[in-house]
Amino acid sequence: MNNSSVNRATIQSWIDDRLSYDTVEKTLVLDGFETAEITEYLQQFKKLKNANKQITGFVFMAVGAFIGFLACVMAMINPMPDMQDFFLFGLTLIAVGMMMYGMYLVFD
């Protein structure tokens, strides 16, 4: 079976509706699809869903890296001595948290 038989708009609507893998499978069975078609739809559903998670993960990692870089630069130039702890610990904690969440999304 080729990818042209899979309706990507339908798959995208399932992702937008946040349907689970099992719900999608039950929907396809109830709609009378054959086993090969169901397998193809489910593979494309998982592939597209994971691609969206990876994009979000890379965005989180990039924003976290930027915040971490900003925290490092601000701690080194020390423009406001009273804010040294915030730059050194606060922004770094936020940056590491965002990067870890991004890695979770990418590698999950």
PDB file of N, CA and C in Angstrom:
ATOM      1  N   MET A   1       0.854  -1.178   0.000  1.00  0.00           N
ATOM      2  CA  MET A   1       0.000   0.000   0.000  1.00  0.00           C
ATOM      3  C   MET A   1       0.895   1.234   0.000  1.00  0.00           C
ATOM      4  N   ASN A   2       0.522   2.234  -0.750  1.00  0.00           N
ATOM      5  CA  ASN A   2       1.325   3.447  -0.806  1.00  0.00           C
ATOM      6  C   ASN A   2       0.745   4.521   0.094  1.00  0.00           C
ATOM      7  N   ASN A   3       1.537   5.554   0.322  1.00  0.00           N
ATOM      8  CA  ASN A   3       1.142   6.614   1.248  1.00  0.00           C
ATOM      9  C   ASN A   3       0.014   7.483   0.705  1.00  0.00           C
ATOM     10  N   SER A   4      -0.243   7.420  -0.610  1.00  0.00           N
ATOM     11  CA  SER A   4      -1.290   8.266  -1.170  1.00  0.00           C
ATOM     12  C   SER A   4      -2.677   7.803  -0.730  1.00  0.00           C
ATOM     13  N   SER A   5      -2.807   6.541  -0.300  1.00  0.00           N
ATOM     14  CA  SER A   5      -4.113   6.050   0.138  1.00  0.00           C
ATOM     15  C   SER A   5      -4.457   6.525   1.545  1.00  0.00           C
ATOM     16  N   VAL A   6      -3.464   7.045   2.262  1.00  0.00           N
ATOM     17  CA  VAL A   6      -3.690   7.532   3.621  1.00  0.00           C
ATOM     18  C   VAL A   6      -4.124   8.990   3.548  1.00  0.00           C
ATOM     19  N   ASN A   7      -5.232   9.297   4.180  1.00  0.00           N
ATOM     20  CA  ASN A   7      -5.754  10.659   4.201  1.00  0.00           C
ATOM     21  C   ASN A   7      -5.085  11.427   5.343  1.00  0.00           C
ATOM     22  N   ARG A   8      -4.132  12.297   4.980  1.00  0.00           N
ATOM     23  CA  ARG A   8      -3.365  13.030   5.991  1.00  0.00           C
ATOM     24  C   ARG A   8      -4.229  14.043   6.743  1.00  0.00           C
ATOM     25  N   ALA A   9      -5.251  14.548   6.094  1.00  0.00           N
ATOM     26  CA  ALA A   9      -6.149  15.498   6.768  1.00  0.00           C
ATOM     27  C   ALA A   9      -6.894  14.799   7.906  1.00  0.00           C
ATOM     28  N   THR A  10      -7.279  13.570   7.677  1.00  0.00           N
ATOM     29  CA  THR A  10      -7.955  12.793   8.725  1.00  0.00           C
ATOM     30  C   THR A  10      -7.011  12.544   9.886  1.00  0.00           C
ATOM     31  N   ILE A  11      -5.782  12.186   9.581  1.00  0.00           N
ATOM     32  CA  ILE A  11      -4.790  11.933  10.631  1.00  0.00           C
ATOM     33  C   ILE A  11      -4.522  13.210  11.419  1.00  0.00           C
ATOM     34  N   GLN A  12      -4.413  14.339  10.720  1.00  0.00           N
ATOM     35  CA  GLN A  12      -4.181  15.603  11.404  1.00  0.00           C
ATOM     36  C   GLN A  12      -5.362  15.975  12.297  1.00  0.00           C
ATOM     37  N   SER A  13      -6.569  15.660  11.861  1.00  0.00           N
ATOM     38  CA  SER A  13      -7.740  15.954  12.702  1.00  0.00           C
ATOM     39  C   SER A  13      -7.735  15.084  13.960  1.00  0.00           C
ATOM     40  N   TRP A  14      -7.260  13.837  13.856  1.00  0.00           N
ATOM     41  CA  TRP A  14      -7.141  12.977  15.038  1.00  0.00           C
ATOM     42  C   TRP A  14      -6.122  13.559  16.018  1.00  0.00           C
ATOM     43  N   ILE A  15      -5.020  14.066  15.485  1.00  0.00           N
ATOM     44  CA  ILE A  15      -3.996  14.663  16.345  1.00  0.00           C
ATOM     45  C   ILE A  15      -4.538  15.931  16.998  1.00  0.00           C
ATOM     46  N   ASP A  16      -5.247  16.741  16.228  1.00  0.00           N
ATOM     47  CA  ASP A  16      -5.832  17.967  16.785  1.00  0.00           C
ATOM     48  C   ASP A  16      -6.863  17.658  17.872  1.00  0.00           C
ATOM     49  N   ASP A  17      -7.588  16.543  17.704  1.00  0.00           N
ATOM     50  CA  ASP A  17      -8.587  16.129  18.704  1.00  0.00           C
ATOM     51  C   ASP A  17      -7.954  15.393  19.878  1.00  0.00           C
ATOM     52  N   ARG A  18      -6.633  15.172  19.809  1.00  0.00           N
ATOM     53  CA  ARG A  18      -5.870  14.490  20.853  1.00  0.00           C
ATOM     54  C   ARG A  18      -6.395  13.080  21.148  1.00  0.00           C
ATOM     55  N   LEU A  19      -6.689  12.359  20.082  1.00  0.00           N
ATOM     56  CA  LEU A  19      -7.162  10.987  20.240  1.00  0.00           C
ATOM     57  C   LEU A  19      -5.988  10.068  20.560  1.00  0.00           C
ATOM     58  N   SER A  20      -6.262   9.047  21.338  1.00  0.00           N
ATOM     59  CA  SER A  20      -5.220   8.087  21.674  1.00  0.00           C
ATOM     60  C   SER A  20      -5.068   7.063  20.541  1.00  0.00           C
ATOM     61  N   TYR A  21      -4.001   6.310  20.617  1.00  0.00           N
ATOM     62  CA  TYR A  21      -3.702   5.281  19.621  1.00  0.00           C
ATOM     63  C   TYR A  21      -4.833   4.255  19.570  1.00  0.00           C
ATOM     64  N   ASP A  22      -5.297   3.826  20.731  1.00  0.00           N
ATOM     65  CA  ASP A  22      -6.366   2.817  20.800  1.00  0.00           C
ATOM     66  C   ASP A  22      -7.675   3.350  20.239  1.00  0.00           C
ATOM     67  N   THR A  23      -7.992   4.603  20.513  1.00  0.00           N
ATOM     68  CA  THR A  23      -9.220   5.203  20.002  1.00  0.00           C
ATOM     69  C   THR A  23      -9.193   5.283  18.481  1.00  0.00           C
ATOM     70  N   VAL A  24      -8.054   5.640  17.939  1.00  0.00           N
ATOM     71  CA  VAL A  24      -7.917   5.711  16.482  1.00  0.00           C
ATOM     72  C   VAL A  24      -8.084   4.320  15.878  1.00  0.00           C
ATOM     73  N   GLU A  25      -7.482   3.335  16.510  1.00  0.00           N
ATOM     74  CA  GLU A  25      -7.599   1.972  16.006  1.00  0.00           C
ATOM     75  C   GLU A  25      -9.054   1.495  16.030  1.00  0.00           C
ATOM     76  N   LYS A  26      -9.757   1.765  17.109  1.00  0.00           N
ATOM     77  CA  LYS A  26     -11.174   1.381  17.202  1.00  0.00           C
ATOM     78  C   LYS A  26     -12.012   2.104  16.159  1.00  0.00           C
ATOM     79  N   THR A  27     -11.708   3.369  15.927  1.00  0.00           N
ATOM     80  CA  THR A  27     -12.435   4.139  14.920  1.00  0.00           C
ATOM     81  C   THR A  27     -12.251   3.541  13.533  1.00  0.00           C
ATOM     82  N   LEU A  28     -11.024   3.161  13.224  1.00  0.00           N
ATOM     83  CA  LEU A  28     -10.754   2.568  11.906  1.00  0.00           C
ATOM     84  C   LEU A  28     -11.446   1.219  11.749  1.00  0.00           C
ATOM     85  N   VAL A  29     -11.458   0.419  12.807  1.00  0.00           N
ATOM     86  CA  VAL A  29     -12.129  -0.881  12.749  1.00  0.00           C
ATOM     87  C   VAL A  29     -13.628  -0.683  12.551  1.00  0.00           C
ATOM     88  N   LEU A  30     -14.211   0.261  13.269  1.00  0.00           N
ATOM     89  CA  LEU A  30     -15.644   0.519  13.137  1.00  0.00           C
ATOM     90  C   LEU A  30     -16.012   1.091  11.769  1.00  0.00           C
ATOM     91  N   ASP A  31     -15.076   1.814  11.145  1.00  0.00           N
ATOM     92  CA  ASP A  31     -15.326   2.361   9.812  1.00  0.00           C
ATOM     93  C   ASP A  31     -15.159   1.319   8.709  1.00  0.00           C
ATOM     94  N   GLY A  32     -14.714   0.116   9.060  1.00  0.00           N
ATOM     95  CA  GLY A  32     -14.642  -0.980   8.098  1.00  0.00           C
ATOM     96  C   GLY A  32     -13.379  -1.036   7.270  1.00  0.00           C
ATOM     97  N   PHE A  33     -12.293  -0.495   7.762  1.00  0.00           N
ATOM     98  CA  PHE A  33     -11.028  -0.570   7.034  1.00  0.00           C
ATOM     99  C   PHE A  33     -10.426  -1.968   7.158  1.00  0.00           C
ATOM    100  N   GLU A  34      -9.644  -2.340   6.166  1.00  0.00           N
ATOM    101  CA  GLU A  34      -8.945  -3.625   6.204  1.00  0.00           C
ATOM    102  C   GLU A  34      -7.742  -3.534   7.128  1.00  0.00           C
ATOM    103  N   THR A  35      -7.200  -4.689   7.507  1.00  0.00           N
ATOM    104  CA  THR A  35      -6.095  -4.744   8.445  1.00  0.00           C
ATOM    105  C   THR A  35      -4.867  -4.006   7.919  1.00  0.00           C
ATOM    106  N   ALA A  36      -4.562  -4.161   6.647  1.00  0.00           N
ATOM    107  CA  ALA A  36      -3.394  -3.488   6.063  1.00  0.00           C
ATOM    108  C   ALA A  36      -3.578  -1.972   6.082  1.00  0.00           C
ATOM    109  N   GLU A  37      -4.789  -1.525   5.779  1.00  0.00           N
ATOM    110  CA  GLU A  37      -5.057  -0.082   5.798  1.00  0.00           C
ATOM    111  C   GLU A  37      -4.979   0.477   7.220  1.00  0.00           C
ATOM    112  N   ILE A  38      -5.493  -0.272   8.176  1.00  0.00           N
ATOM    113  CA  ILE A  38      -5.437   0.146   9.577  1.00  0.00           C
ATOM    114  C   ILE A  38      -3.985   0.287  10.027  1.00  0.00           C
ATOM    115  N   THR A  39      -3.167  -0.688   9.670  1.00  0.00           N
ATOM    116  CA  THR A  39      -1.748  -0.650  10.031  1.00  0.00           C
ATOM    117  C   THR A  39      -1.066   0.580   9.434  1.00  0.00           C
ATOM    118  N   GLU A  40      -1.373   0.863   8.162  1.00  0.00           N
ATOM    119  CA  GLU A  40      -0.771   2.019   7.496  1.00  0.00           C
ATOM    120  C   GLU A  40      -1.213   3.327   8.149  1.00  0.00           C
ATOM    121  N   TYR A  41      -2.504   3.436   8.444  1.00  0.00           N
ATOM    122  CA  TYR A  41      -3.010   4.638   9.114  1.00  0.00           C
ATOM    123  C   TYR A  41      -2.359   4.820  10.484  1.00  0.00           C
ATOM    124  N   LEU A  42      -2.247   3.742  11.241  1.00  0.00           N
ATOM    125  CA  LEU A  42      -1.669   3.832  12.580  1.00  0.00           C
ATOM    126  C   LEU A  42      -0.187   4.202  12.528  1.00  0.00           C
ATOM    127  N   GLN A  43       0.526   3.667  11.546  1.00  0.00           N
ATOM    128  CA  GLN A  43       1.942   4.025  11.396  1.00  0.00           C
ATOM    129  C   GLN A  43       2.095   5.509  11.062  1.00  0.00           C
ATOM    130  N   GLN A  44       1.270   5.989  10.144  1.00  0.00           N
ATOM    131  CA  GLN A  44       1.347   7.406   9.771  1.00  0.00           C
ATOM    132  C   GLN A  44       0.906   8.303  10.927  1.00  0.00           C
ATOM    133  N   PHE A  45      -0.083   7.859  11.719  1.00  0.00           N
ATOM    134  CA  PHE A  45      -0.542   8.609  12.887  1.00  0.00           C
ATOM    135  C   PHE A  45       0.585   8.757  13.902  1.00  0.00           C
ATOM    136  N   LYS A  46       1.261   7.649  14.207  1.00  0.00           N
ATOM    137  CA  LYS A  46       2.363   7.705  15.170  1.00  0.00           C
ATOM    138  C   LYS A  46       3.510   8.564  14.644  1.00  0.00           C
ATOM    139  N   LYS A  47       3.802   8.435  13.354  1.00  0.00           N
ATOM    140  CA  LYS A  47       4.901   9.194  12.757  1.00  0.00           C
ATOM    141  C   LYS A  47       4.633  10.692  12.826  1.00  0.00           C
ATOM    142  N   LEU A  48       3.437  11.113  12.463  1.00  0.00           N
ATOM    143  CA  LEU A  48       3.101  12.529  12.474  1.00  0.00           C
ATOM    144  C   LEU A  48       3.008  13.071  13.894  1.00  0.00           C
ATOM    145  N   LYS A  49       2.474  12.267  14.805  1.00  0.00           N
ATOM    146  CA  LYS A  49       2.364  12.693  16.203  1.00  0.00           C
ATOM    147  C   LYS A  49       3.757  12.872  16.824  1.00  0.00           C
ATOM    148  N   ASN A  50       4.657  11.946  16.542  1.00  0.00           N
ATOM    149  CA  ASN A  50       6.022  12.057  17.063  1.00  0.00           C
ATOM    150  C   ASN A  50       6.779  13.219  16.426  1.00  0.00           C
ATOM    151  N   ALA A  51       6.518  13.504  15.170  1.00  0.00           N
ATOM    152  CA  ALA A  51       7.171  14.632  14.511  1.00  0.00           C
ATOM    153  C   ALA A  51       6.769  15.945  15.179  1.00  0.00           C
ATOM    154  N   ASN A  52       5.498  16.064  15.529  1.00  0.00           N
ATOM    155  CA  ASN A  52       5.044  17.275  16.208  1.00  0.00           C
ATOM    156  C   ASN A  52       5.692  17.410  17.579  1.00  0.00           C
ATOM    157  N   LYS A  53       5.837  16.298  18.302  1.00  0.00           N
ATOM    158  CA  LYS A  53       6.490  16.336  19.608  1.00  0.00           C
ATOM    159  C   LYS A  53       7.953  16.721  19.478  1.00  0.00           C
ATOM    160  N   GLN A  54       8.613  16.222  18.442  1.00  0.00           N
ATOM    161  CA  GLN A  54      10.024  16.535  18.258  1.00  0.00           C
ATOM    162  C   GLN A  54      10.232  18.016  17.939  1.00  0.00           C
ATOM    163  N   ILE A  55       9.371  18.578  17.130  1.00  0.00           N
ATOM    164  CA  ILE A  55       9.484  20.006  16.811  1.00  0.00           C
ATOM    165  C   ILE A  55       9.345  20.830  18.082  1.00  0.00           C
ATOM    166  N   THR A  56       8.343  20.496  18.891  1.00  0.00           N
ATOM    167  CA  THR A  56       8.147  21.199  20.159  1.00  0.00           C
ATOM    168  C   THR A  56       9.363  21.024  21.063  1.00  0.00           C
ATOM    169  N   GLY A  57       9.923  19.821  21.094  1.00  0.00           N
ATOM    170  CA  GLY A  57      11.103  19.554  21.909  1.00  0.00           C
ATOM    171  C   GLY A  57      12.304  20.373  21.480  1.00  0.00           C
ATOM    172  N   PHE A  58      12.521  20.477  20.180  1.00  0.00           N
ATOM    173  CA  PHE A  58      13.646  21.273  19.694  1.00  0.00           C
ATOM    174  C   PHE A  58      13.458  22.750  20.008  1.00  0.00           C
ATOM    175  N   VAL A  59      12.227  23.229  19.965  1.00  0.00           N
ATOM    176  CA  VAL A  59      11.957  24.625  20.321  1.00  0.00           C
ATOM    177  C   VAL A  59      12.283  24.855  21.790  1.00  0.00           C
ATOM    178  N   PHE A  60      11.845  23.940  22.663  1.00  0.00           N
ATOM    179  CA  PHE A  60      12.147  24.073  24.084  1.00  0.00           C
ATOM    180  C   PHE A  60      13.652  24.045  24.335  1.00  0.00           C
ATOM    181  N   MET A  61      14.368  23.154  23.647  1.00  0.00           N
ATOM    182  CA  MET A  61      15.816  23.091  23.835  1.00  0.00           C
ATOM    183  C   MET A  61      16.496  24.373  23.361  1.00  0.00           C
ATOM    184  N   ALA A  62      16.045  24.931  22.238  1.00  0.00           N
ATOM    185  CA  ALA A  62      16.651  26.160  21.718  1.00  0.00           C
ATOM    186  C   ALA A  62      16.393  27.336  22.655  1.00  0.00           C
ATOM    187  N   VAL A  63      15.171  27.457  23.143  1.00  0.00           N
ATOM    188  CA  VAL A  63      14.855  28.556  24.058  1.00  0.00           C
ATOM    189  C   VAL A  63      15.626  28.384  25.364  1.00  0.00           C
ATOM    190  N   GLY A  64      15.714  27.153  25.859  1.00  0.00           N
ATOM    191  CA  GLY A  64      16.481  26.893  27.074  1.00  0.00           C
ATOM    192  C   GLY A  64      17.951  27.210  26.905  1.00  0.00           C
ATOM    193  N   ALA A  65      18.508  26.868  25.738  1.00  0.00           N
ATOM    194  CA  ALA A  65      19.920  27.176  25.476  1.00  0.00           C
ATOM    195  C   ALA A  65      20.145  28.681  25.412  1.00  0.00           C
ATOM    196  N   PHE A  66      19.215  29.389  24.801  1.00  0.00           N
ATOM    197  CA  PHE A  66      19.347  30.845  24.731  1.00  0.00           C
ATOM    198  C   PHE A  66      19.271  31.466  26.123  1.00  0.00           C
ATOM    199  N   ILE A  67      18.337  31.020  26.932  1.00  0.00           N
ATOM    200  CA  ILE A  67      18.217  31.551  28.296  1.00  0.00           C
ATOM    201  C   ILE A  67      19.473  31.220  29.106  1.00  0.00           C
ATOM    202  N   GLY A  68      20.009  30.020  28.916  1.00  0.00           N
ATOM    203  CA  GLY A  68      21.240  29.641  29.601  1.00  0.00           C
ATOM    204  C   GLY A  68      22.414  30.504  29.177  1.00  0.00           C
ATOM    205  N   PHE A  69      22.514  30.772  27.881  1.00  0.00           N
ATOM    206  CA  PHE A  69      23.568  31.644  27.386  1.00  0.00           C
ATOM    207  C   PHE A  69      23.409  33.054  27.956  1.00  0.00           C
ATOM    208  N   LEU A  70      22.181  33.534  27.946  1.00  0.00           N
ATOM    209  CA  LEU A  70      21.905  34.860  28.495  1.00  0.00           C
ATOM    210  C   LEU A  70      22.261  34.923  29.981  1.00  0.00           C
ATOM    211  N   ALA A  71      21.932  33.873  30.726  1.00  0.00           N
ATOM    212  CA  ALA A  71      22.261  33.829  32.154  1.00  0.00           C
ATOM    213  C   ALA A  71      23.773  33.848  32.358  1.00  0.00           C
ATOM    214  N   CYS A  72      24.488  33.117  31.522  1.00  0.00           N
ATOM    215  CA  CYS A  72      25.948  33.069  31.626  1.00  0.00           C
ATOM    216  C   CYS A  72      26.557  34.443  31.352  1.00  0.00           C
ATOM    217  N   VAL A  73      26.117  35.077  30.287  1.00  0.00           N
ATOM    218  CA  VAL A  73      26.652  36.391  29.931  1.00  0.00           C
ATOM    219  C   VAL A  73      26.337  37.420  31.007  1.00  0.00           C
ATOM    220  N   MET A  74      25.092  37.406  31.493  1.00  0.00           N
ATOM    221  CA  MET A  74      24.706  38.380  32.521  1.00  0.00           C
ATOM    222  C   MET A  74      25.467  38.139  33.826  1.00  0.00           C
ATOM    223  N   ALA A  75      25.759  36.890  34.145  1.00  0.00           N
ATOM    224  CA  ALA A  75      26.528  36.610  35.362  1.00  0.00           C
ATOM    225  C   ALA A  75      27.978  37.063  35.205  1.00  0.00           C
ATOM    226  N   MET A  76      28.513  36.966  33.982  1.00  0.00           N
ATOM    227  CA  MET A  76      29.904  37.374  33.770  1.00  0.00           C
ATOM    228  C   MET A  76      30.080  38.887  33.745  1.00  0.00           C
ATOM    229  N   ILE A  77      29.168  39.607  33.095  1.00  0.00           N
ATOM    230  CA  ILE A  77      29.345  41.057  33.019  1.00  0.00           C
ATOM    231  C   ILE A  77      28.828  41.758  34.269  1.00  0.00           C
ATOM    232  N   ASN A  78      27.965  41.074  35.019  1.00  0.00           N
ATOM    233  CA  ASN A  78      27.480  41.554  36.314  1.00  0.00           C
ATOM    234  C   ASN A  78      26.987  43.002  36.248  1.00  0.00           C
ATOM    235  N   PRO A  79      25.941  43.278  35.433  1.00  0.00           N
ATOM    236  CA  PRO A  79      25.471  44.662  35.303  1.00  0.00           C
ATOM    237  C   PRO A  79      24.777  45.179  36.561  1.00  0.00           C
ATOM    238  N   MET A  80      24.159  44.271  37.304  1.00  0.00           N
ATOM    239  CA  MET A  80      23.480  44.657  38.548  1.00  0.00           C
ATOM    240  C   MET A  80      23.917  43.681  39.638  1.00  0.00           C
ATOM    241  N   PRO A  81      24.808  44.073  40.512  1.00  0.00           N
ATOM    242  CA  PRO A  81      25.327  43.139  41.528  1.00  0.00           C
ATOM    243  C   PRO A  81      24.246  42.525  42.411  1.00  0.00           C
ATOM    244  N   ASP A  82      23.161  43.241  42.629  1.00  0.00           N
ATOM    245  CA  ASP A  82      22.080  42.680  43.445  1.00  0.00           C
ATOM    246  C   ASP A  82      21.371  41.519  42.747  1.00  0.00           C
ATOM    247  N   MET A  83      21.459  41.469  41.430  1.00  0.00           N
ATOM    248  CA  MET A  83      20.778  40.427  40.653  1.00  0.00           C
ATOM    249  C   MET A  83      21.700  39.255  40.306  1.00  0.00           C
ATOM    250  N   GLN A  84      22.899  39.231  40.819  1.00  0.00           N
ATOM    251  CA  GLN A  84      23.875  38.188  40.500  1.00  0.00           C
ATOM    252  C   GLN A  84      23.311  36.788  40.779  1.00  0.00           C
ATOM    253  N   ASP A  85      22.693  36.602  41.939  1.00  0.00           N
ATOM    254  CA  ASP A  85      22.145  35.290  42.283  1.00  0.00           C
ATOM    255  C   ASP A  85      21.014  34.889  41.345  1.00  0.00           C
ATOM    256  N   PHE A  86      20.196  35.837  40.940  1.00  0.00           N
ATOM    257  CA  PHE A  86      19.103  35.536  40.009  1.00  0.00           C
ATOM    258  C   PHE A  86      19.654  35.058  38.672  1.00  0.00           C
ATOM    259  N   PHE A  87      20.662  35.770  38.150  1.00  0.00           N
ATOM    260  CA  PHE A  87      21.243  35.375  36.871  1.00  0.00           C
ATOM    261  C   PHE A  87      21.956  34.030  36.987  1.00  0.00           C
ATOM    262  N   LEU A  88      22.690  33.860  38.068  1.00  0.00           N
ATOM    263  CA  LEU A  88      23.502  32.668  38.217  1.00  0.00           C
ATOM    264  C   LEU A  88      22.665  31.423  38.512  1.00  0.00           C
ATOM    265  N   PHE A  89      21.674  31.561  39.354  1.00  0.00           N
ATOM    266  CA  PHE A  89      20.913  30.393  39.780  1.00  0.00           C
ATOM    267  C   PHE A  89      19.505  30.341  39.199  1.00  0.00           C
ATOM    268  N   GLY A  90      18.800  31.445  39.200  1.00  0.00           N
ATOM    269  CA  GLY A  90      17.417  31.453  38.739  1.00  0.00           C
ATOM    270  C   GLY A  90      17.277  31.165  37.255  1.00  0.00           C
ATOM    271  N   LEU A  91      17.955  31.963  36.429  1.00  0.00           N
ATOM    272  CA  LEU A  91      17.857  31.762  34.987  1.00  0.00           C
ATOM    273  C   LEU A  91      18.486  30.444  34.556  1.00  0.00           C
ATOM    274  N   THR A  92      19.546  30.043  35.224  1.00  0.00           N
ATOM    275  CA  THR A  92      20.172  28.766  34.882  1.00  0.00           C
ATOM    276  C   THR A  92      19.224  27.607  35.187  1.00  0.00           C
ATOM    277  N   LEU A  93      18.526  27.681  36.305  1.00  0.00           N
ATOM    278  CA  LEU A  93      17.555  26.640  36.651  1.00  0.00           C
ATOM    279  C   LEU A  93      16.430  26.579  35.619  1.00  0.00           C
ATOM    280  N   ILE A  94      15.937  27.726  35.211  1.00  0.00           N
ATOM    281  CA  ILE A  94      14.890  27.768  34.185  1.00  0.00           C
ATOM    282  C   ILE A  94      15.406  27.187  32.872  1.00  0.00           C
ATOM    283  N   ALA A  95      16.618  27.572  32.494  1.00  0.00           N
ATOM    284  CA  ALA A  95      17.201  27.090  31.242  1.00  0.00           C
ATOM    285  C   ALA A  95      17.383  25.585  31.250  1.00  0.00           C
ATOM    286  N   VAL A  96      17.918  25.063  32.321  1.00  0.00           N
ATOM    287  CA  VAL A  96      18.140  23.609  32.406  1.00  0.00           C
ATOM    288  C   VAL A  96      16.798  22.871  32.399  1.00  0.00           C
ATOM    289  N   GLY A  97      15.824  23.407  33.085  1.00  0.00           N
ATOM    290  CA  GLY A  97      14.504  22.776  33.095  1.00  0.00           C
ATOM    291  C   GLY A  97      13.881  22.730  31.710  1.00  0.00           C
ATOM    292  N   MET A  98      13.965  23.837  30.982  1.00  0.00           N
ATOM    293  CA  MET A  98      13.412  23.869  29.630  1.00  0.00           C
ATOM    294  C   MET A  98      14.154  22.917  28.699  1.00  0.00           C
ATOM    295  N   MET A  99      15.470  22.865  28.841  1.00  0.00           N
ATOM    296  CA  MET A  99      16.243  21.976  27.982  1.00  0.00           C
ATOM    297  C   MET A  99      15.956  20.509  28.299  1.00  0.00           C
ATOM    298  N   MET A 100      15.794  20.186  29.565  1.00  0.00           N
ATOM    299  CA  MET A 100      15.489  18.800  29.940  1.00  0.00           C
ATOM    300  C   MET A 100      14.109  18.384  29.430  1.00  0.00           C
ATOM    301  N   TYR A 101      13.129  19.287  29.539  1.00  0.00           N
ATOM    302  CA  TYR A 101      11.801  18.980  29.021  1.00  0.00           C
ATOM    303  C   TYR A 101      11.856  18.806  27.500  1.00  0.00           C
ATOM    304  N   GLY A 102      12.620  19.644  26.821  1.00  0.00           N
ATOM    305  CA  GLY A 102      12.785  19.500  25.384  1.00  0.00           C
ATOM    306  C   GLY A 102      13.412  18.170  25.007  1.00  0.00           C
ATOM    307  N   MET A 103      14.424  17.763  25.755  1.00  0.00           N
ATOM    308  CA  MET A 103      15.053  16.460  25.483  1.00  0.00           C
ATOM    309  C   MET A 103      14.091  15.319  25.757  1.00  0.00           C
ATOM    310  N   TYR A 104      13.253  15.474  26.774  1.00  0.00           N
ATOM    311  CA  TYR A 104      12.233  14.457  27.046  1.00  0.00           C
ATOM    312  C   TYR A 104      11.302  14.316  25.846  1.00  0.00           C
ATOM    313  N   LEU A 105      10.866  15.434  25.272  1.00  0.00           N
ATOM    314  CA  LEU A 105       9.965  15.377  24.126  1.00  0.00           C
ATOM    315  C   LEU A 105      10.655  14.779  22.898  1.00  0.00           C
ATOM    316  N   VAL A 106      11.912  15.108  22.702  1.00  0.00           N
ATOM    317  CA  VAL A 106      12.613  14.613  21.516  1.00  0.00           C
ATOM    318  C   VAL A 106      12.915  13.126  21.627  1.00  0.00           C
ATOM    319  N   PHE A 107      13.369  12.689  22.784  1.00  0.00           N
ATOM    320  CA  PHE A 107      13.821  11.300  22.918  1.00  0.00           C
ATOM    321  C   PHE A 107      12.748  10.339  23.408  1.00  0.00           C
ATOM    322  N   ASP A 108      11.554  10.834  23.677  1.00  0.00           N
ATOM    323  CA  ASP A 108      10.478   9.957  24.134  1.00  0.00           C
ATOM    324  C   ASP A 108       9.953   9.118  23.007  1.00  0.00           C
TER     325      ASP A 108
END
